[in-house]
Amino acid sequence: SETVAVDKAVVSTQSTGTPTKDKTITPGLLGVLHKQLWSSETVAVDELREKWAQLSLPSERLDEILTLGNFVANVPWLNFLALACTSLESNLTEAVTLLCKILTKDPEGGAARIAYDLFKRLYTYLAEVDGNITEEQIESVISYLDGDAAKAEGMIGPANFTHSFCPKLSGQ
């Protein structure tokens, strides 16, 4: 049994890696992290750091996301995930699309729909963190999508918020 303990120690030091061996964060790895942590509304920062390190993700990126979200001890998981998506994508629409793909129960490659209430909560959160999106813009997006969600049993996906008639999520 000592060998097992030694082997685990070797594996754990290798999996945390040195900065040169760190992987870059990818949508797939964010999905893995979500599968590990989704069952809790909040996640302790220490547990998040541990899971992050197990995936050999760069600790600097984790620190950036924690700072951006003002997360200290307990991290609201979905807010963290939403911010992590913004760190991967070049704009808010692409970030919310990625978020939908990670959170959806639709088959991979499908419509990537999520509950509209969840969409509204996460979009509003991201828009507020962004700081450059007006309250009027947020309201115009939500007002437009209210009709889509009502016709789709309370679900919304990228096809809805990327439609040419929908106001831009970022306001630009």
N, C-alpha and C. Protein backbone atom coordinates (compact mmCIF):
# COMPACT_ATOMS: atom_id res chain seq x y z
N SER A 1 0.82 -1.21 0.00
CA SER A 1 0.00 0.00 0.00
C SER A 1 0.85 1.26 0.00
N GLU A 2 2.10 1.17 0.49
CA GLU A 2 2.97 2.34 0.43
C GLU A 2 3.27 2.73 -1.01
N THR A 3 3.40 1.72 -1.88
CA THR A 3 3.68 2.01 -3.28
C THR A 3 2.53 2.81 -3.88
N VAL A 4 1.31 2.42 -3.54
CA VAL A 4 0.14 3.13 -4.06
C VAL A 4 0.20 4.60 -3.63
N ALA A 5 0.50 4.82 -2.36
CA ALA A 5 0.59 6.20 -1.87
C ALA A 5 1.68 6.97 -2.61
N VAL A 6 2.80 6.32 -2.83
CA VAL A 6 3.90 6.97 -3.55
C VAL A 6 3.47 7.26 -4.98
N ASP A 7 2.84 6.27 -5.62
CA ASP A 7 2.37 6.47 -7.00
C ASP A 7 1.40 7.64 -7.07
N LYS A 8 0.46 7.71 -6.12
CA LYS A 8 -0.49 8.81 -6.12
C LYS A 8 0.22 10.15 -5.96
N ALA A 9 1.25 10.18 -5.10
CA ALA A 9 2.00 11.41 -4.91
C ALA A 9 2.69 11.82 -6.20
N VAL A 10 3.26 10.85 -6.89
CA VAL A 10 3.93 11.14 -8.16
C VAL A 10 2.92 11.67 -9.17
N VAL A 11 1.78 11.01 -9.26
CA VAL A 11 0.75 11.43 -10.20
C VAL A 11 0.28 12.85 -9.86
N SER A 12 0.04 13.11 -8.57
CA SER A 12 -0.49 14.42 -8.23
C SER A 12 0.54 15.53 -8.50
N THR A 13 1.83 15.28 -8.28
CA THR A 13 2.79 16.34 -8.58
C THR A 13 2.92 16.53 -10.08
N GLN A 14 2.78 15.44 -10.84
CA GLN A 14 2.85 15.58 -12.29
C GLN A 14 1.61 16.27 -12.83
N SER A 15 0.45 15.97 -12.25
CA SER A 15 -0.78 16.55 -12.80
C SER A 15 -0.89 18.04 -12.52
N THR A 16 -0.30 18.53 -11.41
CA THR A 16 -0.35 19.97 -11.18
C THR A 16 0.60 20.65 -12.14
N GLY A 17 1.69 19.98 -12.48
CA GLY A 17 2.57 20.47 -13.54
C GLY A 17 3.27 21.77 -13.20
N THR A 18 4.19 22.12 -14.04
CA THR A 18 4.85 23.41 -13.94
C THR A 18 4.14 24.32 -14.92
N PRO A 19 4.31 25.62 -14.80
CA PRO A 19 3.61 26.53 -15.71
C PRO A 19 3.80 26.19 -17.19
N THR A 20 4.96 25.62 -17.55
CA THR A 20 5.19 25.30 -18.95
C THR A 20 4.36 24.09 -19.40
N LYS A 21 3.93 23.26 -18.44
CA LYS A 21 3.14 22.08 -18.81
C LYS A 21 1.64 22.32 -18.70
N ASP A 22 1.24 23.48 -18.21
CA ASP A 22 -0.18 23.77 -18.06
C ASP A 22 -0.88 23.73 -19.41
N LYS A 23 -2.09 23.19 -19.39
CA LYS A 23 -2.92 23.19 -20.59
C LYS A 23 -3.57 24.56 -20.70
N THR A 24 -4.06 24.85 -21.88
CA THR A 24 -4.88 26.06 -21.98
C THR A 24 -6.31 25.63 -21.68
N ILE A 25 -7.08 26.58 -21.22
CA ILE A 25 -8.47 26.28 -20.90
C ILE A 25 -9.23 26.15 -22.22
N THR A 26 -10.06 25.13 -22.31
CA THR A 26 -10.84 24.87 -23.52
C THR A 26 -12.30 24.67 -23.16
N PRO A 27 -13.20 24.78 -24.14
CA PRO A 27 -14.61 24.49 -23.85
C PRO A 27 -14.80 23.08 -23.28
N GLY A 28 -14.05 22.12 -23.82
CA GLY A 28 -14.18 20.74 -23.33
C GLY A 28 -13.78 20.61 -21.87
N LEU A 29 -12.69 21.26 -21.49
CA LEU A 29 -12.24 21.19 -20.10
C LEU A 29 -13.19 21.94 -19.17
N LEU A 30 -13.78 23.04 -19.66
CA LEU A 30 -14.80 23.72 -18.85
C LEU A 30 -16.00 22.80 -18.64
N GLY A 31 -16.34 22.03 -19.68
CA GLY A 31 -17.44 21.07 -19.57
C GLY A 31 -17.14 19.99 -18.54
N VAL A 32 -15.90 19.52 -18.53
CA VAL A 32 -15.48 18.52 -17.53
C VAL A 32 -15.61 19.11 -16.13
N LEU A 33 -15.12 20.33 -15.96
CA LEU A 33 -15.20 21.00 -14.66
C LEU A 33 -16.66 21.15 -14.23
N HIS A 34 -17.53 21.50 -15.18
CA HIS A 34 -18.95 21.65 -14.87
C HIS A 34 -19.55 20.32 -14.42
N LYS A 35 -19.21 19.24 -15.10
CA LYS A 35 -19.72 17.92 -14.71
C LYS A 35 -19.28 17.54 -13.30
N GLN A 36 -18.09 18.00 -12.90
CA GLN A 36 -17.59 17.70 -11.56
C GLN A 36 -18.24 18.57 -10.48
N LEU A 37 -18.62 19.79 -10.83
CA LEU A 37 -19.01 20.76 -9.80
C LEU A 37 -20.46 21.24 -9.88
N TRP A 38 -21.22 20.85 -10.88
CA TRP A 38 -22.54 21.43 -11.11
C TRP A 38 -23.55 21.15 -10.00
N SER A 39 -23.34 20.09 -9.23
CA SER A 39 -24.37 19.69 -8.26
C SER A 39 -24.47 20.66 -7.08
N SER A 40 -23.47 21.50 -6.89
CA SER A 40 -23.53 22.48 -5.80
C SER A 40 -23.78 23.86 -6.35
N GLU A 41 -24.63 24.62 -5.65
CA GLU A 41 -24.86 25.99 -6.09
C GLU A 41 -23.61 26.83 -5.89
N THR A 42 -22.91 26.57 -4.77
CA THR A 42 -21.65 27.26 -4.53
C THR A 42 -20.55 26.22 -4.31
N VAL A 43 -19.34 26.61 -4.65
CA VAL A 43 -18.18 25.73 -4.53
C VAL A 43 -17.12 26.48 -3.71
N ALA A 44 -16.51 25.79 -2.77
CA ALA A 44 -15.43 26.40 -1.99
C ALA A 44 -14.26 26.68 -2.93
N VAL A 45 -13.61 27.82 -2.74
CA VAL A 45 -12.48 28.19 -3.59
C VAL A 45 -11.41 27.09 -3.57
N ASP A 46 -11.16 26.51 -2.41
CA ASP A 46 -10.13 25.46 -2.31
C ASP A 46 -10.48 24.25 -3.18
N GLU A 47 -11.76 23.85 -3.16
CA GLU A 47 -12.19 22.71 -4.00
C GLU A 47 -12.05 23.07 -5.48
N LEU A 48 -12.42 24.29 -5.83
CA LEU A 48 -12.31 24.74 -7.21
C LEU A 48 -10.84 24.75 -7.65
N ARG A 49 -9.96 25.24 -6.78
CA ARG A 49 -8.52 25.24 -7.09
C ARG A 49 -8.01 23.81 -7.30
N GLU A 50 -8.47 22.89 -6.46
CA GLU A 50 -8.05 21.49 -6.57
C GLU A 50 -8.50 20.88 -7.89
N LYS A 51 -9.76 21.06 -8.25
CA LYS A 51 -10.29 20.51 -9.51
C LYS A 51 -9.59 21.16 -10.71
N TRP A 52 -9.36 22.46 -10.62
CA TRP A 52 -8.69 23.21 -11.68
C TRP A 52 -7.28 22.64 -11.90
N ALA A 53 -6.57 22.42 -10.79
CA ALA A 53 -5.20 21.89 -10.86
C ALA A 53 -5.19 20.46 -11.41
N GLN A 54 -6.19 19.66 -11.04
CA GLN A 54 -6.27 18.27 -11.54
C GLN A 54 -6.39 18.25 -13.06
N LEU A 55 -6.98 19.29 -13.63
CA LEU A 55 -7.11 19.38 -15.09
C LEU A 55 -5.90 20.08 -15.71
N SER A 56 -4.91 20.40 -14.89
CA SER A 56 -3.68 21.08 -15.33
C SER A 56 -3.96 22.42 -16.01
N LEU A 57 -4.97 23.11 -15.52
CA LEU A 57 -5.29 24.41 -16.08
C LEU A 57 -4.44 25.49 -15.40
N PRO A 58 -4.13 26.57 -16.12
CA PRO A 58 -3.23 27.59 -15.57
C PRO A 58 -3.84 28.32 -14.36
N SER A 59 -3.11 28.30 -13.25
CA SER A 59 -3.63 28.92 -12.03
C SER A 59 -3.81 30.43 -12.20
N GLU A 60 -3.00 31.05 -13.08
CA GLU A 60 -3.15 32.50 -13.31
C GLU A 60 -4.53 32.81 -13.87
N ARG A 61 -5.01 31.94 -14.77
CA ARG A 61 -6.34 32.17 -15.37
C ARG A 61 -7.43 32.03 -14.32
N LEU A 62 -7.29 31.05 -13.43
CA LEU A 62 -8.25 30.87 -12.35
C LEU A 62 -8.27 32.13 -11.48
N ASP A 63 -7.09 32.62 -11.13
CA ASP A 63 -7.01 33.82 -10.30
C ASP A 63 -7.67 35.02 -10.98
N GLU A 64 -7.48 35.14 -12.30
CA GLU A 64 -8.11 36.25 -13.05
C GLU A 64 -9.63 36.17 -12.95
N ILE A 65 -10.17 34.96 -13.13
CA ILE A 65 -11.63 34.79 -13.09
C ILE A 65 -12.16 35.04 -11.68
N LEU A 66 -11.45 34.54 -10.67
CA LEU A 66 -11.88 34.77 -9.28
C LEU A 66 -11.86 36.26 -8.95
N THR A 67 -10.84 36.97 -9.43
CA THR A 67 -10.74 38.41 -9.18
C THR A 67 -11.86 39.16 -9.91
N LEU A 68 -12.06 38.82 -11.18
CA LEU A 68 -13.10 39.48 -11.97
C LEU A 68 -14.47 39.34 -11.32
N GLY A 69 -14.75 38.15 -10.77
CA GLY A 69 -16.05 37.91 -10.14
C GLY A 69 -16.12 38.31 -8.68
N ASN A 70 -15.00 38.85 -8.15
CA ASN A 70 -14.93 39.17 -6.71
C ASN A 70 -15.29 37.96 -5.85
N PHE A 71 -14.86 36.77 -6.28
CA PHE A 71 -15.13 35.55 -5.55
C PHE A 71 -14.05 35.36 -4.48
N VAL A 72 -14.49 35.09 -3.23
CA VAL A 72 -13.52 34.95 -2.15
C VAL A 72 -13.53 33.54 -1.58
N ALA A 73 -14.52 33.19 -0.80
CA ALA A 73 -14.52 31.88 -0.13
C ALA A 73 -15.40 30.88 -0.88
N ASN A 74 -16.67 31.24 -1.01
CA ASN A 74 -17.61 30.37 -1.71
C ASN A 74 -17.96 31.00 -3.05
N VAL A 75 -17.81 30.22 -4.09
CA VAL A 75 -17.98 30.71 -5.45
C VAL A 75 -19.33 30.23 -6.00
N PRO A 76 -20.21 31.15 -6.39
CA PRO A 76 -21.45 30.72 -7.06
C PRO A 76 -21.04 30.04 -8.37
N TRP A 77 -21.26 28.73 -8.46
CA TRP A 77 -20.70 27.95 -9.55
C TRP A 77 -21.08 28.47 -10.94
N LEU A 78 -22.37 28.71 -11.18
CA LEU A 78 -22.79 29.12 -12.53
C LEU A 78 -22.25 30.51 -12.89
N ASN A 79 -22.11 31.39 -11.92
CA ASN A 79 -21.50 32.69 -12.21
C ASN A 79 -20.04 32.51 -12.60
N PHE A 80 -19.34 31.64 -11.88
CA PHE A 80 -17.94 31.36 -12.22
C PHE A 80 -17.85 30.78 -13.64
N LEU A 81 -18.70 29.80 -13.92
CA LEU A 81 -18.69 29.16 -15.24
C LEU A 81 -18.95 30.20 -16.34
N ALA A 82 -19.91 31.08 -16.10
CA ALA A 82 -20.23 32.13 -17.08
C ALA A 82 -19.01 33.02 -17.33
N LEU A 83 -18.33 33.43 -16.26
CA LEU A 83 -17.14 34.27 -16.43
C LEU A 83 -16.01 33.50 -17.12
N ALA A 84 -15.89 32.22 -16.82
CA ALA A 84 -14.87 31.40 -17.48
C ALA A 84 -15.14 31.35 -18.98
N CYS A 85 -16.40 31.27 -19.37
CA CYS A 85 -16.76 31.27 -20.80
C CYS A 85 -16.36 32.60 -21.45
N THR A 86 -16.54 33.71 -20.74
CA THR A 86 -16.16 35.00 -21.33
C THR A 86 -14.65 35.09 -21.50
N SER A 87 -13.90 34.37 -20.67
CA SER A 87 -12.45 34.43 -20.79
C SER A 87 -11.95 33.64 -22.00
N LEU A 88 -12.82 32.79 -22.54
CA LEU A 88 -12.45 31.97 -23.70
C LEU A 88 -12.88 32.57 -25.03
N GLU A 89 -13.90 33.39 -25.00
CA GLU A 89 -14.49 33.89 -26.24
C GLU A 89 -14.21 35.37 -26.43
N SER A 90 -14.30 35.80 -27.69
CA SER A 90 -13.94 37.19 -28.01
C SER A 90 -15.08 38.18 -27.75
N ASN A 91 -16.31 37.68 -27.62
CA ASN A 91 -17.41 38.60 -27.33
C ASN A 91 -18.49 37.91 -26.50
N LEU A 92 -19.41 38.71 -26.00
CA LEU A 92 -20.44 38.21 -25.08
C LEU A 92 -21.36 37.18 -25.75
N THR A 93 -21.71 37.40 -27.00
CA THR A 93 -22.60 36.46 -27.70
C THR A 93 -21.95 35.09 -27.80
N GLU A 94 -20.67 35.04 -28.16
CA GLU A 94 -19.97 33.76 -28.26
C GLU A 94 -19.83 33.11 -26.88
N ALA A 95 -19.59 33.93 -25.85
CA ALA A 95 -19.47 33.40 -24.49
C ALA A 95 -20.79 32.78 -24.02
N VAL A 96 -21.91 33.46 -24.29
CA VAL A 96 -23.22 32.93 -23.88
C VAL A 96 -23.57 31.69 -24.71
N THR A 97 -23.16 31.67 -25.96
CA THR A 97 -23.36 30.47 -26.80
C THR A 97 -22.61 29.29 -26.20
N LEU A 98 -21.37 29.50 -25.82
CA LEU A 98 -20.57 28.43 -25.19
C LEU A 98 -21.22 27.98 -23.89
N LEU A 99 -21.68 28.93 -23.10
CA LEU A 99 -22.35 28.62 -21.84
C LEU A 99 -23.57 27.73 -22.09
N CYS A 100 -24.35 28.06 -23.11
CA CYS A 100 -25.52 27.24 -23.46
C CYS A 100 -25.09 25.83 -23.85
N LYS A 101 -24.01 25.72 -24.62
CA LYS A 101 -23.53 24.40 -25.06
C LYS A 101 -23.09 23.55 -23.87
N ILE A 102 -22.52 24.17 -22.86
CA ILE A 102 -22.07 23.44 -21.68
C ILE A 102 -23.27 23.06 -20.80
N LEU A 103 -24.23 23.96 -20.66
CA LEU A 103 -25.34 23.75 -19.73
C LEU A 103 -26.53 22.97 -20.31
N THR A 104 -26.61 22.86 -21.62
CA THR A 104 -27.79 22.27 -22.24
C THR A 104 -27.94 20.78 -21.91
N LYS A 105 -29.19 20.34 -21.97
CA LYS A 105 -29.47 18.90 -21.89
C LYS A 105 -29.76 18.36 -23.29
N ASP A 106 -29.74 19.24 -24.30
CA ASP A 106 -29.93 18.82 -25.68
C ASP A 106 -28.73 17.98 -26.11
N PRO A 107 -28.92 17.08 -27.09
CA PRO A 107 -27.78 16.29 -27.58
C PRO A 107 -26.70 17.20 -28.17
N GLU A 108 -25.45 16.74 -28.11
CA GLU A 108 -24.35 17.52 -28.66
C GLU A 108 -24.63 17.84 -30.13
N GLY A 109 -24.38 19.09 -30.52
CA GLY A 109 -24.66 19.51 -31.88
C GLY A 109 -26.11 19.94 -32.08
N GLY A 110 -26.91 19.81 -31.02
CA GLY A 110 -28.33 20.19 -31.10
C GLY A 110 -28.52 21.68 -30.87
N ALA A 111 -29.73 22.04 -30.47
CA ALA A 111 -30.10 23.45 -30.34
C ALA A 111 -29.43 24.15 -29.15
N ALA A 112 -28.85 23.40 -28.22
CA ALA A 112 -28.15 23.95 -27.05
C ALA A 112 -29.04 24.90 -26.25
N ARG A 113 -30.28 24.48 -26.03
CA ARG A 113 -31.22 25.32 -25.28
C ARG A 113 -31.02 25.14 -23.78
N ILE A 114 -31.29 26.22 -23.04
CA ILE A 114 -31.29 26.16 -21.58
C ILE A 114 -32.58 26.83 -21.10
N ALA A 115 -32.90 26.65 -19.84
CA ALA A 115 -34.09 27.29 -19.28
C ALA A 115 -33.94 28.81 -19.40
N TYR A 116 -35.00 29.45 -19.83
CA TYR A 116 -34.95 30.89 -20.06
C TYR A 116 -34.63 31.66 -18.78
N ASP A 117 -35.18 31.23 -17.64
CA ASP A 117 -34.88 31.91 -16.38
C ASP A 117 -33.38 31.88 -16.09
N LEU A 118 -32.74 30.74 -16.38
CA LEU A 118 -31.30 30.62 -16.18
C LEU A 118 -30.55 31.54 -17.15
N PHE A 119 -30.99 31.55 -18.41
CA PHE A 119 -30.38 32.45 -19.39
C PHE A 119 -30.43 33.90 -18.91
N LYS A 120 -31.64 34.34 -18.48
CA LYS A 120 -31.80 35.73 -18.05
C LYS A 120 -30.87 36.05 -16.88
N ARG A 121 -30.79 35.13 -15.92
CA ARG A 121 -29.95 35.36 -14.75
C ARG A 121 -28.48 35.49 -15.14
N LEU A 122 -28.00 34.56 -15.98
CA LEU A 122 -26.58 34.56 -16.34
C LEU A 122 -26.23 35.69 -17.31
N TYR A 123 -27.12 35.96 -18.26
CA TYR A 123 -26.87 37.08 -19.19
C TYR A 123 -26.83 38.40 -18.43
N THR A 124 -27.79 38.60 -17.53
CA THR A 124 -27.83 39.84 -16.75
C THR A 124 -26.56 39.96 -15.90
N TYR A 125 -26.15 38.86 -15.29
CA TYR A 125 -24.92 38.86 -14.48
C TYR A 125 -23.71 39.26 -15.34
N LEU A 126 -23.55 38.62 -16.48
CA LEU A 126 -22.40 38.92 -17.35
C LEU A 126 -22.44 40.37 -17.85
N ALA A 127 -23.64 40.84 -18.18
CA ALA A 127 -23.77 42.22 -18.66
C ALA A 127 -23.40 43.21 -17.56
N GLU A 128 -23.78 42.91 -16.32
CA GLU A 128 -23.45 43.80 -15.21
C GLU A 128 -21.95 43.78 -14.93
N VAL A 129 -21.32 42.61 -14.99
CA VAL A 129 -19.87 42.51 -14.78
C VAL A 129 -19.14 43.26 -15.89
N ASP A 130 -19.66 43.16 -17.12
CA ASP A 130 -19.05 43.85 -18.26
C ASP A 130 -18.98 45.35 -18.00
N GLY A 131 -20.09 45.90 -17.48
CA GLY A 131 -20.11 47.31 -17.12
C GLY A 131 -20.37 48.28 -18.26
N ASN A 132 -20.31 47.81 -19.51
CA ASN A 132 -20.52 48.70 -20.65
C ASN A 132 -21.87 48.50 -21.31
N ILE A 133 -22.67 47.60 -20.76
CA ILE A 133 -23.97 47.29 -21.35
C ILE A 133 -25.04 47.97 -20.51
N THR A 134 -25.83 48.80 -21.16
CA THR A 134 -26.82 49.59 -20.42
C THR A 134 -27.97 48.71 -19.95
N GLU A 135 -28.64 49.20 -18.93
CA GLU A 135 -29.84 48.54 -18.41
C GLU A 135 -30.89 48.45 -19.52
N GLU A 136 -30.98 49.51 -20.35
CA GLU A 136 -31.94 49.52 -21.46
C GLU A 136 -31.63 48.41 -22.46
N GLN A 137 -30.35 48.19 -22.72
CA GLN A 137 -29.95 47.13 -23.65
C GLN A 137 -30.34 45.76 -23.10
N ILE A 138 -30.04 45.54 -21.83
CA ILE A 138 -30.38 44.26 -21.19
C ILE A 138 -31.89 44.04 -21.29
N GLU A 139 -32.65 45.08 -20.96
CA GLU A 139 -34.11 44.97 -21.00
C GLU A 139 -34.63 44.73 -22.41
N SER A 140 -34.01 45.35 -23.42
CA SER A 140 -34.49 45.15 -24.79
C SER A 140 -34.22 43.72 -25.26
N VAL A 141 -33.08 43.14 -24.87
CA VAL A 141 -32.78 41.74 -25.21
C VAL A 141 -33.80 40.83 -24.55
N ILE A 142 -34.02 41.04 -23.25
CA ILE A 142 -34.94 40.18 -22.51
C ILE A 142 -36.36 40.34 -23.02
N SER A 143 -36.76 41.56 -23.31
CA SER A 143 -38.10 41.81 -23.84
C SER A 143 -38.30 41.07 -25.16
N TYR A 144 -37.29 41.12 -26.04
CA TYR A 144 -37.38 40.41 -27.32
C TYR A 144 -37.48 38.90 -27.10
N LEU A 145 -36.61 38.37 -26.22
CA LEU A 145 -36.55 36.92 -26.02
C LEU A 145 -37.71 36.35 -25.21
N ASP A 146 -38.43 37.20 -24.48
CA ASP A 146 -39.60 36.74 -23.73
C ASP A 146 -40.57 36.00 -24.65
N GLY A 147 -40.80 36.57 -25.85
CA GLY A 147 -41.72 35.95 -26.81
C GLY A 147 -41.22 34.61 -27.30
N ASP A 148 -39.91 34.53 -27.61
CA ASP A 148 -39.33 33.27 -28.07
C ASP A 148 -39.46 32.19 -27.00
N ALA A 149 -39.16 32.57 -25.76
CA ALA A 149 -39.21 31.59 -24.67
C ALA A 149 -40.64 31.10 -24.44
N ALA A 150 -41.60 32.03 -24.55
CA ALA A 150 -43.00 31.66 -24.35
C ALA A 150 -43.45 30.63 -25.40
N LYS A 151 -42.91 30.74 -26.62
CA LYS A 151 -43.28 29.81 -27.69
C LYS A 151 -42.51 28.50 -27.61
N ALA A 152 -41.46 28.46 -26.78
CA ALA A 152 -40.58 27.28 -26.74
C ALA A 152 -40.55 26.64 -25.36
N GLU A 153 -41.69 26.66 -24.67
CA GLU A 153 -41.81 26.01 -23.37
C GLU A 153 -40.74 26.46 -22.37
N GLY A 154 -40.44 27.77 -22.40
CA GLY A 154 -39.52 28.33 -21.42
C GLY A 154 -38.05 28.02 -21.68
N MET A 155 -37.72 27.65 -22.92
CA MET A 155 -36.33 27.34 -23.26
C MET A 155 -35.82 28.38 -24.26
N ILE A 156 -34.51 28.60 -24.24
CA ILE A 156 -33.88 29.56 -25.14
C ILE A 156 -32.51 29.02 -25.54
N GLY A 157 -32.08 29.34 -26.74
CA GLY A 157 -30.77 28.87 -27.18
C GLY A 157 -30.12 29.88 -28.10
N PRO A 158 -28.91 29.57 -28.57
CA PRO A 158 -28.19 30.51 -29.44
C PRO A 158 -28.98 30.94 -30.67
N ALA A 159 -29.79 30.06 -31.24
CA ALA A 159 -30.57 30.45 -32.43
C ALA A 159 -31.49 31.63 -32.11
N ASN A 160 -31.93 31.73 -30.86
CA ASN A 160 -32.81 32.83 -30.48
C ASN A 160 -32.05 34.14 -30.33
N PHE A 161 -30.95 34.12 -29.55
CA PHE A 161 -30.27 35.39 -29.26
C PHE A 161 -29.27 35.81 -30.34
N THR A 162 -29.03 34.95 -31.35
CA THR A 162 -28.20 35.38 -32.47
C THR A 162 -29.04 35.73 -33.70
N HIS A 163 -30.36 35.59 -33.59
CA HIS A 163 -31.26 35.93 -34.69
C HIS A 163 -31.10 37.40 -35.05
N SER A 164 -31.20 37.70 -36.33
CA SER A 164 -30.97 39.08 -36.79
C SER A 164 -31.94 40.09 -36.17
N PHE A 165 -33.14 39.64 -35.77
CA PHE A 165 -34.10 40.57 -35.17
C PHE A 165 -33.84 40.81 -33.68
N CYS A 166 -33.07 39.94 -33.06
CA CYS A 166 -32.80 40.09 -31.62
C CYS A 166 -31.77 41.19 -31.40
N PRO A 167 -32.03 42.09 -30.44
CA PRO A 167 -31.00 43.09 -30.13
C PRO A 167 -29.70 42.39 -29.71
N LYS A 168 -28.58 43.00 -30.03
CA LYS A 168 -27.26 42.40 -29.72
C LYS A 168 -27.09 42.31 -28.21
N LEU A 169 -26.56 41.18 -27.74
CA LEU A 169 -26.36 40.98 -26.30
C LEU A 169 -25.43 42.04 -25.72
N SER A 170 -24.42 42.43 -26.49
CA SER A 170 -23.43 43.39 -26.01
C SER A 170 -23.86 44.83 -26.25
N GLY A 171 -24.91 45.02 -27.02
CA GLY A 171 -25.36 46.38 -27.31
C GLY A 171 -24.64 47.01 -28.48
N GLN A 172 -23.70 46.30 -29.09
CA GLN A 172 -22.94 46.89 -30.20
C GLN A 172 -23.09 46.10 -31.48
